[in-house]
Amino acid sequence: MADRLKGKIAVVFGAGSSGEGWGNGKAAAVAFAREGARVACIDISQPAADETAQIIADEGGVAIALAADVTRQDSIDAAVAATMTRFGRINILHNNVGVTHMGGPVELSEEQFQAAIDLNLGPVYRCSKAVIPHMLAGGGGAIVNISSIAAIRWVGYPYFAYYATKAAVNQATVAIAMQYARQGIRANCIMPGLIDTPMIYKQISAQYPSVEEMVAARDALVPMGKMGTAWDIANAAVFLASEEAKFITGVCLPVDGGQTCGASGVG
């Protein structure tokens, strides 16, 4: 265990994984702990949060597992209050919750569009609302939001609501960064490219004839020749949350194997 985040308290919303393996939030929570942070692992699924917290405990770290629904302010507030009771402060907020619904404005239902707002953009607002006062009282902190390269590029999938809400996450991050820059709070976001996580097998794979063809097609779109992993996102999150990034705020960082360097982001 290293000590880049030694003494810090990190709150990770979306700390579970949507399937077997490593999702971005699960990897981030474990990576924070490996760097010395004590972690509140928060997920809508208590068993998923428990699993992540147990991994941290098994490695000698300190974590608590909490269930919360990020579409409800009262649920978020309760999780944050429990974190404050256990640890006394919050230094790092990591917002990882998100969802994809395929379809353009014609195909998407009103319910799907609203769900995209509630689950992609809503947590940035609600979790920041709950955590920022504690950061201000403690002298500052670091916020890391998970966006997507879909915020700035067409990536080949017809998911209008995902593009729109992730673009909003980028600018919401900038707004927080600028408002609180002189009060010791930094806010940045990570824009993952094509990442091999359990989520893509549940929410993306239906766009392809087979899982194998999905993996091959996504690998082929990345200039470096292969999709990234959840650990690529987690390592970026650790950096942005650490003192190594103390002069970095308002940045939307692509972690994408070079994909956004192309004209369209598709290849």
C-alpha atoms as a PDB file:
ATOM      1  CA  MET A   1       0.000   0.000   0.000  1.00  0.00           C
ATOM      2  CA  ALA A   2       1.354   3.414  -0.966  1.00  0.00           C
ATOM      3  CA  ASP A   3       0.521   6.710   0.689  1.00  0.00           C
ATOM      4  CA  ARG A   4      -0.462   9.221  -2.008  1.00  0.00           C
ATOM      5  CA  LEU A   5      -3.854   9.557  -0.283  1.00  0.00           C
ATOM      6  CA  LYS A   6      -2.734   8.797   3.254  1.00  0.00           C
ATOM      7  CA  GLY A   7      -5.065  10.313   5.824  1.00  0.00           C
ATOM      8  CA  LYS A   8      -7.769  11.145   3.259  1.00  0.00           C
ATOM      9  CA  ILE A   9     -11.403  10.112   3.431  1.00  0.00           C
ATOM     10  CA  ALA A  10     -12.876   9.172   0.065  1.00  0.00           C
ATOM     11  CA  VAL A  11     -16.557   8.752  -0.767  1.00  0.00           C
ATOM     12  CA  VAL A  12     -17.213   6.685  -3.885  1.00  0.00           C
ATOM     13  CA  PHE A  13     -20.729   6.655  -5.304  1.00  0.00           C
ATOM     14  CA  GLY A  14     -21.121   3.686  -7.631  1.00  0.00           C
ATOM     15  CA  ALA A  15     -18.467   1.687  -5.781  1.00  0.00           C
ATOM     16  CA  GLY A  16     -19.958  -1.653  -6.724  1.00  0.00           C
ATOM     17  CA  SER A  17     -19.775  -3.446 -10.044  1.00  0.00           C
ATOM     18  CA  SER A  18     -22.700  -4.265 -12.324  1.00  0.00           C
ATOM     19  CA  GLY A  19     -21.326  -7.766 -12.879  1.00  0.00           C
ATOM     20  CA  GLU A  20     -18.401 -10.049 -12.216  1.00  0.00           C
ATOM     21  CA  GLY A  21     -15.073  -8.304 -12.605  1.00  0.00           C
ATOM     22  CA  TRP A  22     -13.927  -4.734 -12.167  1.00  0.00           C
ATOM     23  CA  GLY A  23     -16.123  -1.755 -12.924  1.00  0.00           C
ATOM     24  CA  ASN A  24     -14.710   1.760 -12.855  1.00  0.00           C
ATOM     25  CA  GLY A  25     -16.150   2.658  -9.452  1.00  0.00           C
ATOM     26  CA  LYS A  26     -15.095  -0.595  -7.799  1.00  0.00           C
ATOM     27  CA  ALA A  27     -11.549  -0.196  -9.095  1.00  0.00           C
ATOM     28  CA  ALA A  28     -11.427   3.453  -8.002  1.00  0.00           C
ATOM     29  CA  ALA A  29     -12.528   2.616  -4.457  1.00  0.00           C
ATOM     30  CA  VAL A  30      -9.878  -0.084  -4.145  1.00  0.00           C
ATOM     31  CA  ALA A  31      -7.221   2.133  -5.747  1.00  0.00           C
ATOM     32  CA  PHE A  32      -7.987   4.950  -3.303  1.00  0.00           C
ATOM     33  CA  ALA A  33      -7.608   2.514  -0.401  1.00  0.00           C
ATOM     34  CA  ARG A  34      -4.352   1.131  -1.762  1.00  0.00           C
ATOM     35  CA  GLU A  35      -3.005   4.690  -1.688  1.00  0.00           C
ATOM     36  CA  GLY A  36      -3.912   5.092   1.982  1.00  0.00           C
ATOM     37  CA  ALA A  37      -7.419   6.574   1.923  1.00  0.00           C
ATOM     38  CA  ARG A  38     -10.232   5.317   4.084  1.00  0.00           C
ATOM     39  CA  VAL A  39     -13.182   4.731   1.799  1.00  0.00           C
ATOM     40  CA  ALA A  40     -16.965   4.899   2.002  1.00  0.00           C
ATOM     41  CA  CYS A  41     -18.100   2.437  -0.671  1.00  0.00           C
ATOM     42  CA  ILE A  42     -21.591   3.486  -1.703  1.00  0.00           C
ATOM     43  CA  ASP A  43     -23.783   1.710  -4.210  1.00  0.00           C
ATOM     44  CA  ILE A  44     -27.477   1.171  -4.862  1.00  0.00           C
ATOM     45  CA  SER A  45     -26.756  -2.521  -4.193  1.00  0.00           C
ATOM     46  CA  GLN A  46     -25.690  -3.225  -0.629  1.00  0.00           C
ATOM     47  CA  PRO A  47     -24.093  -6.573  -1.605  1.00  0.00           C
ATOM     48  CA  ALA A  48     -22.047  -4.824  -4.313  1.00  0.00           C
ATOM     49  CA  ALA A  49     -20.877  -2.187  -1.830  1.00  0.00           C
ATOM     50  CA  ASP A  50     -20.103  -4.930   0.692  1.00  0.00           C
ATOM     51  CA  GLU A  51     -17.977  -6.793  -1.850  1.00  0.00           C
ATOM     52  CA  THR A  52     -15.825  -3.758  -2.590  1.00  0.00           C
ATOM     53  CA  ALA A  53     -15.421  -2.885   1.082  1.00  0.00           C
ATOM     54  CA  GLN A  54     -14.442  -6.484   1.830  1.00  0.00           C
ATOM     55  CA  ILE A  55     -11.758  -6.420  -0.861  1.00  0.00           C
ATOM     56  CA  ILE A  56     -10.338  -3.298   0.774  1.00  0.00           C
ATOM     57  CA  ALA A  57     -10.486  -4.861   4.236  1.00  0.00           C
ATOM     58  CA  ASP A  58      -8.832  -8.055   2.996  1.00  0.00           C
ATOM     59  CA  GLU A  59      -5.952  -5.943   1.696  1.00  0.00           C
ATOM     60  CA  GLY A  60      -5.521  -4.253   5.060  1.00  0.00           C
ATOM     61  CA  GLY A  61      -7.420  -1.059   4.269  1.00  0.00           C
ATOM     62  CA  VAL A  62     -10.346   0.606   5.985  1.00  0.00           C
ATOM     63  CA  ALA A  63     -13.752   0.896   4.346  1.00  0.00           C
ATOM     64  CA  ILE A  64     -17.439   1.023   5.101  1.00  0.00           C
ATOM     65  CA  ALA A  65     -20.201  -0.177   2.792  1.00  0.00           C
ATOM     66  CA  LEU A  66     -23.395   1.805   2.387  1.00  0.00           C
ATOM     67  CA  ALA A  67     -26.431   1.555   0.127  1.00  0.00           C
ATOM     68  CA  ALA A  68     -27.829   4.707  -1.474  1.00  0.00           C
ATOM     69  CA  ASP A  69     -30.047   5.667  -4.385  1.00  0.00           C
ATOM     70  CA  VAL A  70     -28.384   8.564  -6.206  1.00  0.00           C
ATOM     71  CA  THR A  71     -31.712   9.677  -7.677  1.00  0.00           C
ATOM     72  CA  ARG A  72     -32.867  10.623  -4.152  1.00  0.00           C
ATOM     73  CA  GLN A  73     -31.325  13.457  -2.172  1.00  0.00           C
ATOM     74  CA  ASP A  74     -32.445  12.018   1.157  1.00  0.00           C
ATOM     75  CA  SER A  75     -30.721   8.717   0.405  1.00  0.00           C
ATOM     76  CA  ILE A  76     -27.482  10.463  -0.531  1.00  0.00           C
ATOM     77  CA  ASP A  77     -27.683  12.693   2.540  1.00  0.00           C
ATOM     78  CA  ALA A  78     -28.072   9.633   4.773  1.00  0.00           C
ATOM     79  CA  ALA A  79     -24.998   7.958   3.259  1.00  0.00           C
ATOM     80  CA  VAL A  80     -22.946  11.116   3.639  1.00  0.00           C
ATOM     81  CA  ALA A  81     -24.114  11.520   7.247  1.00  0.00           C
ATOM     82  CA  ALA A  82     -23.093   7.926   7.975  1.00  0.00           C
ATOM     83  CA  THR A  83     -19.684   8.616   6.451  1.00  0.00           C
ATOM     84  CA  MET A  84     -19.247  11.712   8.595  1.00  0.00           C
ATOM     85  CA  THR A  85     -20.256   9.784  11.700  1.00  0.00           C
ATOM     86  CA  ARG A  86     -17.697   7.065  10.937  1.00  0.00           C
ATOM     87  CA  PHE A  87     -14.804   9.169   9.659  1.00  0.00           C
ATOM     88  CA  GLY A  88     -15.488  12.782  10.690  1.00  0.00           C
ATOM     89  CA  ARG A  89     -14.665  14.424   7.369  1.00  0.00           C
ATOM     90  CA  ILE A  90     -14.692  13.980   3.594  1.00  0.00           C
ATOM     91  CA  ASN A  91     -11.704  14.887   1.423  1.00  0.00           C
ATOM     92  CA  ILE A  92     -12.531  13.135  -1.866  1.00  0.00           C
ATOM     93  CA  LEU A  93     -15.834  12.739  -3.704  1.00  0.00           C
ATOM     94  CA  HIS A  94     -15.890  10.309  -6.617  1.00  0.00           C
ATOM     95  CA  ASN A  95     -19.070  10.261  -8.729  1.00  0.00           C
ATOM     96  CA  ASN A  96     -19.200   7.142 -10.886  1.00  0.00           C
ATOM     97  CA  VAL A  97     -22.883   6.304 -11.423  1.00  0.00           C
ATOM     98  CA  GLY A  98     -24.195   6.258 -15.011  1.00  0.00           C
ATOM     99  CA  VAL A  99     -26.478   4.506 -17.472  1.00  0.00           C
ATOM    100  CA  THR A 100     -26.860   4.148 -21.232  1.00  0.00           C
ATOM    101  CA  HIS A 101     -30.141   3.899 -23.155  1.00  0.00           C
ATOM    102  CA  MET A 102     -29.912   3.337 -26.876  1.00  0.00           C
ATOM    103  CA  GLY A 103     -31.919   5.548 -29.175  1.00  0.00           C
ATOM    104  CA  GLY A 104     -32.211   9.045 -30.567  1.00  0.00           C
ATOM    105  CA  PRO A 105     -34.903  11.573 -29.659  1.00  0.00           C
ATOM    106  CA  VAL A 106     -37.473   9.646 -31.711  1.00  0.00           C
ATOM    107  CA  GLU A 107     -36.762   6.216 -30.242  1.00  0.00           C
ATOM    108  CA  LEU A 108     -36.143   7.147 -26.615  1.00  0.00           C
ATOM    109  CA  SER A 109     -39.084   7.104 -24.258  1.00  0.00           C
ATOM    110  CA  GLU A 110     -39.642  10.036 -21.931  1.00  0.00           C
ATOM    111  CA  GLU A 111     -38.858   7.683 -19.045  1.00  0.00           C
ATOM    112  CA  GLN A 112     -35.522   6.652 -20.547  1.00  0.00           C
ATOM    113  CA  PHE A 113     -34.544  10.249 -21.227  1.00  0.00           C
ATOM    114  CA  GLN A 114     -35.418  11.275 -17.679  1.00  0.00           C
ATOM    115  CA  ALA A 115     -33.530   8.283 -16.291  1.00  0.00           C
ATOM    116  CA  ALA A 116     -30.418   9.407 -18.176  1.00  0.00           C
ATOM    117  CA  ILE A 117     -30.665  12.829 -16.580  1.00  0.00           C
ATOM    118  CA  ASP A 118     -31.291  11.359 -13.135  1.00  0.00           C
ATOM    119  CA  LEU A 119     -28.457   8.813 -13.301  1.00  0.00           C
ATOM    120  CA  ASN A 120     -25.785  10.553 -15.392  1.00  0.00           C
ATOM    121  CA  LEU A 121     -26.107  14.212 -14.423  1.00  0.00           C
ATOM    122  CA  GLY A 122     -28.224  14.070 -11.281  1.00  0.00           C
ATOM    123  CA  PRO A 123     -25.585  12.487  -9.020  1.00  0.00           C
ATOM    124  CA  VAL A 124     -23.074  15.230  -9.829  1.00  0.00           C
ATOM    125  CA  TYR A 125     -25.598  17.740  -8.506  1.00  0.00           C
ATOM    126  CA  ARG A 126     -27.002  15.740  -5.595  1.00  0.00           C
ATOM    127  CA  CYS A 127     -23.740  14.276  -4.308  1.00  0.00           C
ATOM    128  CA  SER A 128     -21.973  17.631  -4.610  1.00  0.00           C
ATOM    129  CA  LYS A 129     -24.855  19.260  -2.776  1.00  0.00           C
ATOM    130  CA  ALA A 130     -24.418  16.802   0.092  1.00  0.00           C
ATOM    131  CA  VAL A 131     -20.620  16.730   0.247  1.00  0.00           C
ATOM    132  CA  ILE A 132     -19.397  20.236  -0.610  1.00  0.00           C
ATOM    133  CA  PRO A 133     -20.528  21.803   2.704  1.00  0.00           C
ATOM    134  CA  HIS A 134     -18.438  19.237   4.577  1.00  0.00           C
ATOM    135  CA  MET A 135     -15.466  19.918   2.311  1.00  0.00           C
ATOM    136  CA  LEU A 136     -15.796  23.647   2.908  1.00  0.00           C
ATOM    137  CA  ALA A 137     -15.939  23.083   6.662  1.00  0.00           C
ATOM    138  CA  GLY A 138     -12.815  20.940   6.415  1.00  0.00           C
ATOM    139  CA  GLY A 139     -10.816  23.393   4.336  1.00  0.00           C
ATOM    140  CA  GLY A 140     -11.243  21.892   0.864  1.00  0.00           C
ATOM    141  CA  GLY A 141     -11.269  18.680  -1.091  1.00  0.00           C
ATOM    142  CA  ALA A 142     -11.173  17.045  -4.494  1.00  0.00           C
ATOM    143  CA  ILE A 143     -14.117  15.997  -6.649  1.00  0.00           C
ATOM    144  CA  VAL A 144     -13.688  13.525  -9.500  1.00  0.00           C
ATOM    145  CA  ASN A 145     -16.654  13.015 -11.818  1.00  0.00           C
ATOM    146  CA  ILE A 146     -16.800  10.230 -14.386  1.00  0.00           C
ATOM    147  CA  SER A 147     -17.941  11.507 -17.764  1.00  0.00           C
ATOM    148  CA  SER A 148     -17.186   9.931 -21.157  1.00  0.00           C
ATOM    149  CA  ILE A 149     -15.550  10.798 -24.451  1.00  0.00           C
ATOM    150  CA  ALA A 150     -19.165  10.696 -25.666  1.00  0.00           C
ATOM    151  CA  ALA A 151     -19.403  14.132 -24.053  1.00  0.00           C
ATOM    152  CA  ILE A 152     -17.274  15.548 -26.869  1.00  0.00           C
ATOM    153  CA  ARG A 153     -17.348  13.004 -29.699  1.00  0.00           C
ATOM    154  CA  TRP A 154     -19.752  10.815 -31.633  1.00  0.00           C
ATOM    155  CA  VAL A 155     -18.558   7.317 -30.688  1.00  0.00           C
ATOM    156  CA  GLY A 156     -20.721   5.247 -33.004  1.00  0.00           C
ATOM    157  CA  TYR A 157     -23.609   4.378 -30.701  1.00  0.00           C
ATOM    158  CA  PRO A 158     -27.071   5.948 -31.097  1.00  0.00           C
ATOM    159  CA  TYR A 159     -27.499   7.063 -27.495  1.00  0.00           C
ATOM    160  CA  PHE A 160     -28.663  10.662 -27.650  1.00  0.00           C
ATOM    161  CA  ALA A 161     -29.373  11.002 -23.930  1.00  0.00           C
ATOM    162  CA  TYR A 162     -25.947   9.678 -22.973  1.00  0.00           C
ATOM    163  CA  TYR A 163     -24.169  12.159 -25.231  1.00  0.00           C
ATOM    164  CA  ALA A 164     -26.237  15.042 -23.875  1.00  0.00           C
ATOM    165  CA  THR A 165     -25.967  14.202 -20.190  1.00  0.00           C
ATOM    166  CA  LYS A 166     -22.257  13.431 -20.279  1.00  0.00           C
ATOM    167  CA  ALA A 167     -21.626  16.754 -22.004  1.00  0.00           C
ATOM    168  CA  ALA A 168     -23.536  18.338 -19.138  1.00  0.00           C
ATOM    169  CA  VAL A 169     -21.336  16.508 -16.622  1.00  0.00           C
ATOM    170  CA  ASN A 170     -18.272  18.123 -18.201  1.00  0.00           C
ATOM    171  CA  GLN A 171     -19.596  21.645 -17.884  1.00  0.00           C
ATOM    172  CA  ALA A 172     -21.069  20.988 -14.434  1.00  0.00           C
ATOM    173  CA  THR A 173     -17.574  19.960 -13.356  1.00  0.00           C
ATOM    174  CA  VAL A 174     -16.137  23.186 -14.732  1.00  0.00           C
ATOM    175  CA  ALA A 175     -18.838  25.197 -12.939  1.00  0.00           C
ATOM    176  CA  ILE A 176     -18.023  23.581  -9.590  1.00  0.00           C
ATOM    177  CA  ALA A 177     -14.299  24.014 -10.156  1.00  0.00           C
ATOM    178  CA  MET A 178     -14.593  27.715 -10.866  1.00  0.00           C
ATOM    179  CA  GLN A 179     -17.093  28.514  -8.118  1.00  0.00           C
ATOM    180  CA  TYR A 180     -15.019  26.871  -5.406  1.00  0.00           C
ATOM    181  CA  ALA A 181     -11.478  27.403  -6.693  1.00  0.00           C
ATOM    182  CA  ARG A 182     -10.632  29.963  -4.013  1.00  0.00           C
ATOM    183  CA  GLN A 183     -12.182  27.837  -1.274  1.00  0.00           C
ATOM    184  CA  GLY A 184      -9.852  24.884  -1.637  1.00  0.00           C
ATOM    185  CA  ILE A 185     -12.099  22.575  -3.630  1.00  0.00           C
ATOM    186  CA  ARG A 186     -10.859  21.170  -6.913  1.00  0.00           C
ATOM    187  CA  ALA A 187     -13.195  19.476  -9.401  1.00  0.00           C
ATOM    188  CA  ASN A 188     -12.147  17.502 -12.453  1.00  0.00           C
ATOM    189  CA  CYS A 189     -13.708  14.843 -14.593  1.00  0.00           C
ATOM    190  CA  ILE A 190     -12.415  11.787 -16.391  1.00  0.00           C
ATOM    191  CA  MET A 191     -13.712  10.974 -19.856  1.00  0.00           C
ATOM    192  CA  PRO A 192     -13.232   7.235 -20.338  1.00  0.00           C
ATOM    193  CA  GLY A 193     -12.986   5.962 -23.872  1.00  0.00           C
ATOM    194  CA  LEU A 194     -13.752   2.364 -24.746  1.00  0.00           C
ATOM    195  CA  ILE A 195     -13.232   0.481 -21.499  1.00  0.00           C
ATOM    196  CA  ASP A 196     -13.689  -3.253 -20.924  1.00  0.00           C
ATOM    197  CA  THR A 197     -15.931  -3.377 -17.853  1.00  0.00           C
ATOM    198  CA  PRO A 198     -18.944  -5.496 -16.848  1.00  0.00           C
ATOM    199  CA  MET A 199     -21.245  -2.648 -17.878  1.00  0.00           C
ATOM    200  CA  ILE A 200     -20.569  -3.017 -21.599  1.00  0.00           C
ATOM    201  CA  TYR A 201     -21.715  -6.633 -21.555  1.00  0.00           C
ATOM    202  CA  LYS A 202     -25.057  -5.554 -20.079  1.00  0.00           C
ATOM    203  CA  GLN A 203     -25.721  -2.226 -21.787  1.00  0.00           C
ATOM    204  CA  ILE A 204     -23.720  -2.264 -25.051  1.00  0.00           C
ATOM    205  CA  SER A 205     -23.387  -5.842 -26.265  1.00  0.00           C
ATOM    206  CA  ALA A 206     -26.870  -5.945 -27.850  1.00  0.00           C
ATOM    207  CA  GLN A 207     -25.564  -3.562 -30.523  1.00  0.00           C
ATOM    208  CA  TYR A 208     -23.383  -6.378 -31.899  1.00  0.00           C
ATOM    209  CA  PRO A 209     -24.027  -9.872 -33.300  1.00  0.00           C
ATOM    210  CA  SER A 210     -21.983 -11.415 -30.479  1.00  0.00           C
ATOM    211  CA  VAL A 211     -19.911 -10.489 -27.449  1.00  0.00           C
ATOM    212  CA  GLU A 212     -16.767 -11.564 -29.262  1.00  0.00           C
ATOM    213  CA  GLU A 213     -17.549  -9.236 -32.157  1.00  0.00           C
ATOM    214  CA  MET A 214     -18.220  -6.405 -29.731  1.00  0.00           C
ATOM    215  CA  VAL A 215     -14.831  -6.822 -28.084  1.00  0.00           C
ATOM    216  CA  ALA A 216     -13.034  -7.065 -31.428  1.00  0.00           C
ATOM    217  CA  ALA A 217     -14.835  -4.043 -32.855  1.00  0.00           C
ATOM    218  CA  ARG A 218     -14.182  -1.894 -29.790  1.00  0.00           C
ATOM    219  CA  ASP A 219     -10.523  -2.924 -29.658  1.00  0.00           C
ATOM    220  CA  ALA A 220     -10.158  -1.984 -33.324  1.00  0.00           C
ATOM    221  CA  LEU A 221     -11.457   1.532 -32.708  1.00  0.00           C
ATOM    222  CA  VAL A 222      -8.753   2.352 -30.172  1.00  0.00           C
ATOM    223  CA  PRO A 223      -5.527   3.732 -31.710  1.00  0.00           C
ATOM    224  CA  MET A 224      -3.496   1.782 -29.169  1.00  0.00           C
ATOM    225  CA  GLY A 225      -5.229  -1.411 -30.366  1.00  0.00           C
ATOM    226  CA  LYS A 226      -7.119  -2.483 -27.269  1.00  0.00           C
ATOM    227  CA  MET A 227      -9.799  -1.240 -24.913  1.00  0.00           C
ATOM    228  CA  GLY A 228      -8.709   0.150 -21.581  1.00  0.00           C
ATOM    229  CA  THR A 229      -9.529  -1.361 -18.208  1.00  0.00           C
ATOM    230  CA  ALA A 230     -11.189  -0.051 -15.072  1.00  0.00           C
ATOM    231  CA  TRP A 231      -7.720   0.336 -13.578  1.00  0.00           C
ATOM    232  CA  ASP A 232      -6.796   2.903 -16.234  1.00  0.00           C
ATOM    233  CA  ILE A 233      -9.702   5.019 -15.009  1.00  0.00           C
ATOM    234  CA  ALA A 234      -8.926   4.327 -11.347  1.00  0.00           C
ATOM    235  CA  ASN A 235      -5.287   5.360 -11.730  1.00  0.00           C
ATOM    236  CA  ALA A 236      -6.355   8.652 -13.303  1.00  0.00           C
ATOM    237  CA  ALA A 237      -8.809   9.185 -10.447  1.00  0.00           C
ATOM    238  CA  VAL A 238      -6.098   8.614  -7.843  1.00  0.00           C
ATOM    239  CA  PHE A 239      -3.890  11.177  -9.543  1.00  0.00           C
ATOM    240  CA  LEU A 240      -6.642  13.807  -9.760  1.00  0.00           C
ATOM    241  CA  ALA A 241      -7.592  13.246  -6.123  1.00  0.00           C
ATOM    242  CA  SER A 242      -3.996  13.460  -4.897  1.00  0.00           C
ATOM    243  CA  GLU A 243      -1.754  16.378  -4.045  1.00  0.00           C
ATOM    244  CA  GLU A 244       0.142  15.659  -7.257  1.00  0.00           C
ATOM    245  CA  ALA A 245      -2.792  17.358  -9.003  1.00  0.00           C
ATOM    246  CA  LYS A 246      -3.079  20.251  -6.541  1.00  0.00           C
ATOM    247  CA  PHE A 247      -2.826  22.830  -9.363  1.00  0.00           C
ATOM    248  CA  ILE A 248      -5.291  21.058 -11.645  1.00  0.00           C
ATOM    249  CA  THR A 249      -8.982  21.954 -11.597  1.00  0.00           C
ATOM    250  CA  GLY A 250     -11.761  22.220 -14.150  1.00  0.00           C
ATOM    251  CA  VAL A 251     -10.093  19.661 -16.422  1.00  0.00           C
ATOM    252  CA  CYS A 252     -11.994  17.089 -18.498  1.00  0.00           C
ATOM    253  CA  LEU A 253      -9.353  14.409 -19.014  1.00  0.00           C
ATOM    254  CA  PRO A 254      -9.694  11.818 -21.796  1.00  0.00           C
ATOM    255  CA  VAL A 255      -8.456   8.372 -20.816  1.00  0.00           C
ATOM    256  CA  ASP A 256      -9.053   6.733 -24.158  1.00  0.00           C
ATOM    257  CA  GLY A 257      -5.955   5.281 -25.788  1.00  0.00           C
ATOM    258  CA  GLY A 258      -5.857   8.251 -28.152  1.00  0.00           C
ATOM    259  CA  GLN A 259      -9.360   7.845 -29.546  1.00  0.00           C
ATOM    260  CA  THR A 260     -10.393  11.495 -29.223  1.00  0.00           C
ATOM    261  CA  CYS A 261      -7.372  12.522 -31.276  1.00  0.00           C
ATOM    262  CA  GLY A 262      -9.250  11.255 -34.319  1.00  0.00           C
ATOM    263  CA  ALA A 263     -11.628  13.517 -36.199  1.00  0.00           C
ATOM    264  CA  SER A 264     -14.793  11.682 -35.135  1.00  0.00           C
ATOM    265  CA  GLY A 265     -13.694   9.524 -32.245  1.00  0.00           C
ATOM    266  CA  VAL A 266     -14.934   6.441 -34.112  1.00  0.00           C
ATOM    267  CA  GLY A 267     -11.742   5.450 -35.841  1.00  0.00           C
END
